[in-house]
Amino acid sequence: MTFLLNEQNPIVYIFIAQVTLFTFVTGQNPETEIRLRRDLFSKHNNHIRPVANISHPVEIFAELQLYALNSFDTINGILITQCSLELVWYDQFLFWNPTEYDNISMIYVSSEEIWRPIVIVCNAVVAQSIGREISYVVLHNDGRVVLWYQEILRTFCTIDAHGYPFDKQLCHILICVAIHKADHSVIKQLRYRKASFFKNYQWDVDMEGIGESEDNSGRSLTRAKILLSRRIKINTLAMMVPSGIFTVVSIFVFLLPAESGEKVSLSTTLFLSIIVYLVEIDKMTPKNSESMPLLTLYLLTLATLSGFNTIGTIIECRVYIMQERKSNKETRPVPNDEKVTVLTRKTKTDTEQAPSIWNCDSKVCGESIKINQTRILAEETQPEFDATDKYRRPRYQKLSRIFFGVSVTYIITSIIVICITSTFLTEY
């Protein structure tokens, strides 16, 4: 036991306390375990694969348990989990009969004394070997060796942001044997599950199954599957509500009268708002996704619609201004000097046509002059746009209705196309 005490490791003292307690309760003599260790390791070579027939591979059975999902970076596709991995294999050179050693059926041995497989995480962000830092393993009397290891794993995950922000991600933790070929060391089976106390408030995690051995360029590989479903939270709703508001405002912008003078400014502001929102959403969507998120595709469609609405609004307001100018020219007010001339001519004409002041009595002549003045005043105060209102107003309003119909048709068609594309990509 001297080589154990030389290691400054608390596990050594825990091990000694366990042995002492076990001896006190069962009456086993520590000298028996010393004799067992001497018999096992006196001629043991830890560099040789522990198989009686060297043509047979060492079969490794693994169990992966998920304790916590620390973080999931969907933008860069990095999954950080806290897991424990248990490796079990049989050493055909290390076995004994418990009846010959006071019924000792298992012992703790230093991991440096026995042969260990080199198992790594294939899809780790940084090269990560499993169990190389473990100081002790459990050795059973039938030659079964158990290595238990807990570590924080940083693995790559292929992101599919097609349904973002209502997406589901399927990630894998790849466990493979390094250096040895599959005919020397093979991971026969991998059981994986999540711990009973596992909780996560951002993702629903489904992890349970059995992974079989696969070929990885002549080496053994197995994988654990983790299905992550994003939970709907307040930030998800805050992301979706502006999209619906932008859609409604983009369609109904043509219902604003052109006379208000705010139609073009509203369309331009709405277009710029959608572009800014699209840029912000793009920052939050995964960069290495296999397909474009439907939300991004929809916002691109909405930005196109808003740009079309802005152009249509400019055209509508231009038509309105041109008609306004044309109407003003047709009903241009008469200058004061022309009014005087016309009034003088009309007065003279009316005077000539009216009965002579010498040939009529004062009552008749006064009424004739009053009638002429009333008729002239009525002509001067006649509305300027009566002659053209019935032609001018319906023209730009009809143009506005056309743009409104085109906008509604465009957005409905875009939604149908996006839904069909989503269904097609989901199936294939």
Protein backbone atom coordinates (compact mmCIF):
# COMPACT_ATOMS: atom_id res chain seq x y z
CA MET A 1 0.00 0.00 0.00
CA THR A 2 3.03 2.30 0.10
CA PHE A 3 2.63 3.40 -3.51
CA LEU A 4 -0.95 4.44 -2.76
CA LEU A 5 0.00 6.49 0.29
CA ASN A 6 2.59 8.35 -1.72
CA GLU A 7 -0.18 9.79 -3.89
CA GLN A 8 -1.63 12.91 -2.39
CA ASN A 9 -5.20 11.96 -3.14
CA PRO A 10 -8.15 12.02 -0.70
CA ILE A 11 -9.59 8.94 -2.41
CA VAL A 12 -6.71 6.89 -0.98
CA TYR A 13 -7.74 7.68 2.58
CA ILE A 14 -11.40 7.02 1.80
CA PHE A 15 -10.37 3.67 0.37
CA ILE A 16 -8.36 2.79 3.53
CA ALA A 17 -11.31 3.79 5.74
CA GLN A 18 -13.65 1.58 3.70
CA VAL A 19 -11.27 -1.38 3.93
CA THR A 20 -10.89 -0.90 7.69
CA LEU A 21 -14.65 -0.71 8.20
CA PHE A 22 -15.23 -3.74 5.97
CA THR A 23 -12.65 -5.73 7.94
CA PHE A 24 -14.21 -4.74 11.25
CA VAL A 25 -17.71 -5.78 10.15
CA THR A 26 -16.94 -8.96 8.20
CA GLY A 27 -13.85 -10.06 10.02
CA GLN A 28 -11.75 -10.09 6.80
CA ASN A 29 -8.03 -9.74 7.26
CA PRO A 30 -6.29 -6.95 5.28
CA GLU A 31 -3.44 -9.40 4.73
CA THR A 32 -5.82 -11.38 2.55
CA GLU A 33 -6.28 -8.49 0.16
CA ILE A 34 -2.55 -7.86 0.10
CA ARG A 35 -2.04 -11.48 -0.83
CA LEU A 36 -4.76 -11.19 -3.50
CA ARG A 37 -3.13 -8.15 -5.04
CA ARG A 38 0.26 -9.84 -5.02
CA ASP A 39 -1.16 -12.90 -6.75
CA LEU A 40 -2.96 -10.80 -9.38
CA PHE A 41 -0.30 -8.27 -10.32
CA SER A 42 2.96 -10.14 -9.72
CA LYS A 43 3.13 -11.28 -13.34
CA HIS A 44 0.55 -8.92 -14.88
CA ASN A 45 1.45 -6.69 -17.84
CA ASN A 46 -0.87 -3.73 -18.32
CA HIS A 47 0.33 -3.09 -21.89
CA ILE A 48 -1.19 -6.29 -23.27
CA ARG A 49 -4.82 -6.42 -24.28
CA PRO A 50 -6.68 -8.54 -21.69
CA VAL A 51 -7.88 -11.33 -24.00
CA ALA A 52 -6.82 -14.97 -23.97
CA ASN A 53 -7.00 -15.09 -27.77
CA ILE A 54 -5.32 -12.06 -29.34
CA SER A 55 -7.46 -12.42 -32.47
CA HIS A 56 -10.55 -11.50 -30.43
CA PRO A 57 -11.37 -7.86 -29.67
CA VAL A 58 -11.90 -6.40 -26.23
CA GLU A 59 -15.62 -5.75 -25.95
CA ILE A 60 -16.51 -2.53 -24.11
CA PHE A 61 -19.95 -1.74 -22.72
CA ALA A 62 -20.69 1.89 -21.95
CA GLU A 63 -23.43 3.84 -20.19
CA LEU A 64 -23.85 7.60 -20.57
CA GLN A 65 -26.00 9.59 -18.16
CA LEU A 66 -26.92 13.25 -18.65
CA TYR A 67 -26.91 15.33 -15.46
CA ALA A 68 -27.25 18.87 -16.77
CA LEU A 69 -27.56 20.87 -19.96
CA ASN A 70 -25.25 23.78 -19.20
CA SER A 71 -25.79 25.70 -22.43
CA PHE A 72 -26.72 25.25 -26.06
CA ASP A 73 -25.19 27.77 -28.45
CA THR A 74 -27.47 27.45 -31.46
CA ILE A 75 -25.64 30.20 -33.34
CA ASN A 76 -22.30 28.35 -33.39
CA GLY A 77 -23.72 24.86 -32.87
CA ILE A 78 -21.98 23.98 -29.58
CA LEU A 79 -23.64 21.84 -26.92
CA ILE A 80 -22.23 21.90 -23.38
CA THR A 81 -23.43 19.10 -21.10
CA GLN A 82 -22.41 17.56 -17.82
CA CYS A 83 -22.40 13.79 -18.15
CA SER A 84 -21.08 10.66 -16.50
CA LEU A 85 -19.74 7.76 -18.53
CA GLU A 86 -19.27 4.26 -17.20
CA LEU A 87 -17.05 1.86 -19.16
CA VAL A 88 -17.15 -1.87 -18.47
CA TRP A 89 -14.90 -4.53 -19.99
CA TYR A 90 -13.50 -7.92 -18.96
CA ASP A 91 -9.87 -8.52 -18.15
CA GLN A 92 -9.35 -12.25 -18.72
CA PHE A 93 -6.05 -12.18 -16.80
CA LEU A 94 -7.43 -10.68 -13.58
CA PHE A 95 -9.89 -13.02 -11.91
CA TRP A 96 -9.96 -15.10 -8.71
CA ASN A 97 -12.06 -17.37 -6.59
CA PRO A 98 -13.58 -15.37 -3.69
CA THR A 99 -13.65 -18.41 -1.41
CA GLU A 100 -9.86 -18.52 -1.45
CA TYR A 101 -9.59 -14.91 -0.31
CA ASP A 102 -12.10 -14.52 2.54
CA ASN A 103 -14.99 -13.96 0.08
CA ILE A 104 -13.49 -10.77 -1.37
CA SER A 105 -15.45 -10.25 -4.58
CA MET A 106 -14.15 -6.82 -5.64
CA ILE A 107 -11.24 -4.49 -5.01
CA TYR A 108 -10.22 -0.96 -5.94
CA VAL A 109 -7.06 -0.84 -7.98
CA SER A 110 -5.00 1.93 -9.49
CA SER A 111 -5.87 2.65 -13.08
CA GLU A 112 -2.16 2.57 -13.91
CA GLU A 113 -1.92 -1.11 -12.97
CA ILE A 114 -4.35 -2.45 -15.54
CA TRP A 115 -5.00 -2.16 -19.25
CA ARG A 116 -7.48 0.57 -20.20
CA PRO A 117 -9.07 1.38 -23.55
CA ILE A 118 -8.43 4.79 -25.06
CA VAL A 119 -11.93 6.19 -25.48
CA ILE A 120 -12.49 9.73 -26.75
CA VAL A 121 -15.37 12.02 -27.70
CA CYS A 122 -15.11 12.20 -31.49
CA ASN A 123 -17.17 15.37 -32.01
CA ALA A 124 -15.69 17.33 -29.10
CA VAL A 125 -14.80 20.98 -29.63
CA VAL A 126 -11.40 20.28 -28.05
CA ALA A 127 -9.80 16.83 -28.12
CA GLN A 128 -11.16 15.11 -25.03
CA SER A 129 -10.11 11.69 -23.74
CA ILE A 130 -12.40 9.83 -21.35
CA GLY A 131 -11.14 8.47 -18.08
CA ARG A 132 -7.43 9.17 -18.49
CA GLU A 133 -7.41 11.23 -15.27
CA ILE A 134 -9.20 8.59 -13.21
CA SER A 135 -6.96 7.20 -10.48
CA TYR A 136 -8.93 4.10 -9.51
CA VAL A 137 -11.18 1.53 -11.10
CA VAL A 138 -13.28 -1.29 -9.66
CA LEU A 139 -12.11 -4.85 -10.33
CA HIS A 140 -14.52 -7.73 -9.74
CA ASN A 141 -13.60 -11.37 -9.14
CA ASP A 142 -14.89 -12.45 -12.59
CA GLY A 143 -12.47 -10.04 -14.30
CA ARG A 144 -15.04 -7.30 -14.86
CA VAL A 145 -13.48 -3.85 -14.75
CA VAL A 146 -15.65 -0.78 -14.13
CA LEU A 147 -14.42 2.74 -14.84
CA TRP A 148 -16.70 5.61 -13.89
CA TYR A 149 -15.98 9.11 -15.13
CA GLN A 150 -17.78 12.46 -14.92
CA GLU A 151 -16.91 15.36 -17.16
CA ILE A 152 -18.27 18.48 -18.86
CA LEU A 153 -18.54 17.66 -22.56
CA ARG A 154 -18.34 20.33 -25.26
CA THR A 155 -19.55 18.85 -28.50
CA PHE A 156 -20.54 20.11 -31.93
CA CYS A 157 -24.16 19.83 -32.99
CA THR A 158 -25.55 20.24 -36.48
CA ILE A 159 -28.31 22.84 -36.28
CA ASP A 160 -31.52 22.74 -38.27
CA ALA A 161 -33.12 26.16 -37.84
CA HIS A 162 -35.91 25.52 -40.33
CA GLY A 163 -38.65 25.90 -37.71
CA TYR A 164 -36.94 28.60 -35.61
CA PRO A 165 -38.07 29.75 -33.02
CA PHE A 166 -40.27 26.61 -32.70
CA ASP A 167 -37.43 24.32 -33.66
CA LYS A 168 -36.26 20.89 -32.58
CA GLN A 169 -32.59 19.94 -32.61
CA LEU A 170 -31.14 16.44 -32.75
CA CYS A 171 -27.62 16.37 -31.32
CA HIS A 172 -25.20 13.48 -30.96
CA ILE A 173 -22.41 12.65 -28.55
CA LEU A 174 -20.01 10.39 -30.44
CA ILE A 175 -17.97 7.96 -28.32
CA CYS A 176 -15.22 6.15 -30.19
CA VAL A 177 -12.11 4.11 -29.58
CA ALA A 178 -8.85 5.79 -30.52
CA ILE A 179 -5.68 4.10 -31.85
CA HIS A 180 -7.09 0.54 -31.73
CA LYS A 181 -8.85 -0.89 -34.73
CA ALA A 182 -12.33 -2.37 -34.40
CA ASP A 183 -10.90 -5.92 -34.45
CA HIS A 184 -8.82 -5.06 -31.34
CA SER A 185 -11.17 -2.94 -29.23
CA VAL A 186 -14.83 -2.37 -29.93
CA ILE A 187 -17.61 -0.50 -28.10
CA LYS A 188 -20.24 -3.18 -28.19
CA GLN A 189 -23.11 -1.15 -26.81
CA LEU A 190 -23.87 2.28 -25.37
CA ARG A 191 -26.85 2.89 -23.11
CA TYR A 192 -27.77 6.53 -22.61
CA ARG A 193 -30.39 8.31 -20.54
CA LYS A 194 -30.92 11.49 -18.57
CA ALA A 195 -30.81 11.62 -14.80
CA SER A 196 -34.06 11.58 -12.85
CA PHE A 197 -33.29 14.98 -11.32
CA PHE A 198 -32.47 16.61 -14.66
CA LYS A 199 -34.22 19.96 -15.29
CA ASN A 200 -33.96 22.62 -17.95
CA TYR A 201 -36.27 25.58 -18.42
CA GLN A 202 -35.29 26.49 -21.97
CA TRP A 203 -35.28 23.10 -23.69
CA ASP A 204 -37.30 19.92 -23.39
CA VAL A 205 -34.73 17.11 -23.48
CA ASP A 206 -35.47 13.58 -24.64
CA MET A 207 -32.51 11.24 -24.17
CA GLU A 208 -32.96 7.52 -23.74
CA GLY A 209 -31.93 4.60 -25.89
CA ILE A 210 -29.22 2.15 -26.89
CA GLY A 211 -26.50 2.91 -29.39
CA GLU A 212 -24.94 0.09 -31.37
CA SER A 213 -21.40 -0.09 -32.63
CA GLU A 214 -20.65 1.65 -35.93
CA ASP A 215 -17.65 1.67 -38.21
CA ASN A 216 -15.53 4.82 -38.20
CA SER A 217 -12.78 4.30 -40.77
CA GLY A 218 -11.99 0.90 -39.31
CA ARG A 219 -12.45 2.02 -35.70
CA SER A 220 -15.36 1.48 -33.38
CA LEU A 221 -17.85 4.27 -32.79
CA THR A 222 -21.19 4.62 -31.08
CA ARG A 223 -23.46 7.57 -30.50
CA ALA A 224 -25.94 8.91 -27.98
CA LYS A 225 -28.88 10.91 -29.37
CA ILE A 226 -30.22 14.00 -27.62
CA LEU A 227 -33.49 15.50 -28.88
CA LEU A 228 -33.94 19.13 -27.84
CA SER A 229 -37.26 20.95 -28.28
CA ARG A 230 -37.32 24.68 -27.64
CA ARG A 231 -39.85 25.79 -25.06
CA ILE A 232 -42.24 28.63 -25.87
CA LYS A 233 -41.45 31.55 -23.58
CA ILE A 234 -42.20 35.26 -23.47
CA ASN A 235 -39.17 36.13 -25.61
CA THR A 236 -40.47 33.79 -28.33
CA LEU A 237 -43.81 35.59 -28.39
CA ALA A 238 -42.03 38.96 -28.36
CA MET A 239 -40.19 37.78 -31.47
CA MET A 240 -43.33 36.74 -33.36
CA VAL A 241 -45.78 39.55 -32.53
CA PRO A 242 -43.92 42.32 -34.45
CA SER A 243 -44.00 40.18 -37.59
CA GLY A 244 -47.80 40.05 -37.50
CA ILE A 245 -48.08 43.78 -36.81
CA PHE A 246 -45.73 44.59 -39.70
CA THR A 247 -47.86 42.43 -42.01
CA VAL A 248 -51.13 44.16 -41.12
CA VAL A 249 -49.69 47.68 -41.36
CA SER A 250 -47.99 46.90 -44.68
CA ILE A 251 -51.29 45.81 -46.20
CA PHE A 252 -53.46 48.62 -44.81
CA VAL A 253 -51.04 51.44 -45.62
CA PHE A 254 -53.01 52.06 -48.84
CA LEU A 255 -56.13 52.86 -46.87
CA LEU A 256 -54.53 56.09 -45.66
CA PRO A 257 -55.81 59.00 -47.82
CA ALA A 258 -53.26 60.68 -50.05
CA GLU A 259 -54.54 64.10 -48.90
CA SER A 260 -53.12 63.42 -45.41
CA GLY A 261 -49.57 63.97 -46.64
CA GLU A 262 -48.18 61.16 -44.41
CA LYS A 263 -48.58 58.20 -46.73
CA VAL A 264 -45.07 58.12 -48.18
CA SER A 265 -43.41 58.77 -44.82
CA LEU A 266 -45.41 55.93 -43.22
CA SER A 267 -44.45 53.47 -45.96
CA THR A 268 -40.77 54.44 -45.79
CA THR A 269 -40.65 54.21 -42.00
CA LEU A 270 -42.34 50.81 -42.07
CA PHE A 271 -39.89 49.52 -44.70
CA LEU A 272 -36.85 50.64 -42.69
CA SER A 273 -38.32 49.14 -39.49
CA ILE A 274 -38.74 45.74 -41.16
CA ILE A 275 -35.15 45.85 -42.46
CA VAL A 276 -33.78 46.65 -38.98
CA TYR A 277 -35.90 43.90 -37.43
CA LEU A 278 -34.70 41.43 -40.06
CA VAL A 279 -31.07 42.25 -39.28
CA GLU A 280 -31.65 41.72 -35.54
CA ILE A 281 -33.39 38.39 -36.12
CA ASP A 282 -30.56 37.27 -38.37
CA LYS A 283 -28.10 37.83 -35.50
CA MET A 284 -30.03 35.37 -33.33
CA THR A 285 -30.53 32.62 -35.92
CA PRO A 286 -27.97 29.80 -36.32
CA LYS A 287 -25.17 30.47 -38.78
CA ASN A 288 -24.38 26.85 -39.70
CA SER A 289 -27.95 25.75 -40.26
CA GLU A 290 -28.75 23.30 -43.03
CA SER A 291 -31.74 25.40 -44.15
CA MET A 292 -32.94 28.97 -43.86
CA PRO A 293 -35.32 29.68 -40.96
CA LEU A 294 -38.91 30.19 -42.04
CA LEU A 295 -39.07 33.34 -39.92
CA THR A 296 -36.18 34.87 -41.86
CA LEU A 297 -37.76 33.82 -45.15
CA TYR A 298 -41.07 35.38 -44.10
CA LEU A 299 -39.39 38.63 -43.06
CA LEU A 300 -37.61 38.77 -46.42
CA THR A 301 -40.99 38.37 -48.10
CA LEU A 302 -42.44 41.06 -45.86
CA ALA A 303 -39.54 43.41 -46.63
CA THR A 304 -40.15 42.88 -50.35
CA LEU A 305 -43.84 43.64 -49.86
CA SER A 306 -43.03 46.77 -47.87
CA GLY A 307 -40.65 47.95 -50.59
CA PHE A 308 -43.35 47.35 -53.20
CA ASN A 309 -45.84 49.26 -51.05
CA THR A 310 -43.45 52.19 -50.74
CA ILE A 311 -43.03 52.38 -54.51
CA GLY A 312 -46.79 52.06 -55.03
CA THR A 313 -47.45 54.80 -52.48
CA ILE A 314 -45.01 57.14 -54.24
CA ILE A 315 -46.73 56.48 -57.57
CA GLU A 316 -50.16 57.06 -56.06
CA CYS A 317 -49.12 60.34 -54.44
CA ARG A 318 -47.47 61.43 -57.70
CA VAL A 319 -50.71 60.81 -59.60
CA TYR A 320 -52.61 62.72 -56.95
CA ILE A 321 -50.28 65.74 -57.19
CA MET A 322 -50.40 65.76 -61.01
CA GLN A 323 -54.19 65.72 -60.97
CA GLU A 324 -54.17 68.46 -58.36
CA ARG A 325 -52.00 70.67 -60.53
CA LYS A 326 -54.10 69.99 -63.62
CA SER A 327 -57.26 70.82 -61.74
CA ASN A 328 -55.77 74.05 -60.42
CA LYS A 329 -54.85 75.11 -63.95
CA GLU A 330 -58.36 74.42 -65.26
CA THR A 331 -60.01 76.32 -62.41
CA ARG A 332 -57.35 79.03 -62.01
CA PRO A 333 -58.72 82.14 -60.18
CA VAL A 334 -59.17 85.24 -62.37
CA PRO A 335 -56.72 88.09 -61.54
CA ASN A 336 -58.12 91.31 -60.12
CA ASP A 337 -57.38 93.42 -63.21
CA GLU A 338 -59.18 90.89 -65.43
CA LYS A 339 -62.08 90.84 -62.98
CA VAL A 340 -62.38 94.64 -63.32
CA THR A 341 -62.31 94.42 -67.11
CA VAL A 342 -64.89 91.64 -67.20
CA LEU A 343 -67.04 93.42 -64.67
CA THR A 344 -66.84 96.66 -66.69
CA ARG A 345 -67.76 94.87 -69.90
CA LYS A 346 -70.60 93.03 -68.27
CA THR A 347 -71.81 96.22 -66.65
CA LYS A 348 -71.71 98.04 -69.96
CA THR A 349 -73.49 95.24 -71.73
CA ASP A 350 -76.09 94.98 -69.07
CA THR A 351 -76.50 98.71 -69.08
CA GLU A 352 -76.95 98.73 -72.82
CA GLN A 353 -79.43 95.88 -72.62
CA ALA A 354 -81.18 97.42 -69.64
CA PRO A 355 -83.81 100.03 -70.25
CA SER A 356 -82.56 103.56 -70.35
CA ILE A 357 -82.64 105.38 -67.05
CA TRP A 358 -84.58 108.13 -68.77
CA ASN A 359 -87.10 105.71 -70.24
CA CYS A 360 -87.90 103.73 -67.06
CA ASP A 361 -88.90 104.58 -63.66
CA SER A 362 -86.42 104.36 -60.80
CA LYS A 363 -87.95 101.24 -59.33
CA VAL A 364 -87.54 99.11 -62.46
CA CYS A 365 -83.98 100.30 -63.19
CA GLY A 366 -82.82 99.67 -59.64
CA GLU A 367 -84.07 96.07 -59.69
CA SER A 368 -82.32 95.43 -63.03
CA ILE A 369 -78.96 96.66 -61.76
CA LYS A 370 -79.31 94.58 -58.55
CA ILE A 371 -79.99 91.39 -60.57
CA ASN A 372 -76.89 91.92 -62.73
CA GLN A 373 -74.66 92.47 -59.69
CA THR A 374 -75.99 89.29 -58.01
CA ARG A 375 -75.29 87.23 -61.15
CA ILE A 376 -71.71 88.54 -61.39
CA LEU A 377 -71.08 87.79 -57.70
CA ALA A 378 -72.38 84.25 -58.11
CA GLU A 379 -70.01 83.66 -61.05
CA GLU A 380 -67.05 84.93 -59.01
CA THR A 381 -67.80 82.72 -55.97
CA GLN A 382 -68.51 79.54 -57.97
CA PRO A 383 -66.53 76.47 -56.54
CA GLU A 384 -63.27 75.91 -58.37
CA PHE A 385 -63.32 72.06 -58.53
CA ASP A 386 -66.92 71.28 -59.35
CA ALA A 387 -66.10 70.64 -62.99
CA THR A 388 -63.31 68.12 -62.31
CA ASP A 389 -64.08 66.46 -58.94
CA LYS A 390 -65.99 63.60 -60.50
CA TYR A 391 -62.99 62.81 -62.76
CA ARG A 392 -60.05 63.53 -60.39
CA ARG A 393 -60.88 61.77 -57.10
CA PRO A 394 -61.85 58.28 -58.31
CA ARG A 395 -58.66 57.98 -60.38
CA TYR A 396 -56.03 57.83 -57.59
CA GLN A 397 -58.45 56.10 -55.26
CA LYS A 398 -58.84 53.35 -57.84
CA LEU A 399 -55.06 53.10 -58.04
CA SER A 400 -54.92 52.76 -54.25
CA ARG A 401 -57.46 49.94 -54.34
CA ILE A 402 -55.42 48.12 -56.98
CA PHE A 403 -52.25 48.30 -54.87
CA PHE A 404 -54.19 47.15 -51.81
CA GLY A 405 -55.51 44.11 -53.68
CA VAL A 406 -52.08 43.26 -55.04
CA SER A 407 -50.58 43.48 -51.52
CA VAL A 408 -53.18 41.16 -50.03
CA THR A 409 -52.74 38.67 -52.87
CA TYR A 410 -48.96 38.79 -52.55
CA ILE A 411 -48.88 38.17 -48.79
CA ILE A 412 -51.45 35.33 -48.97
CA THR A 413 -49.55 33.67 -51.82
CA SER A 414 -46.26 34.03 -49.93
CA ILE A 415 -47.70 32.42 -46.80
CA ILE A 416 -49.07 29.49 -48.83
CA VAL A 417 -45.74 29.00 -50.61
CA ILE A 418 -43.83 29.11 -47.31
CA CYS A 419 -46.19 26.55 -45.75
CA ILE A 420 -45.85 24.21 -48.74
CA THR A 421 -42.06 24.59 -48.69
CA SER A 422 -42.00 23.90 -44.95
CA THR A 423 -44.04 20.71 -45.38
CA PHE A 424 -41.86 19.55 -48.26
CA LEU A 425 -38.59 20.13 -46.37
CA THR A 426 -39.99 18.44 -43.25
CA GLU A 427 -40.88 15.29 -45.17
CA TYR A 428 -37.70 15.07 -47.22
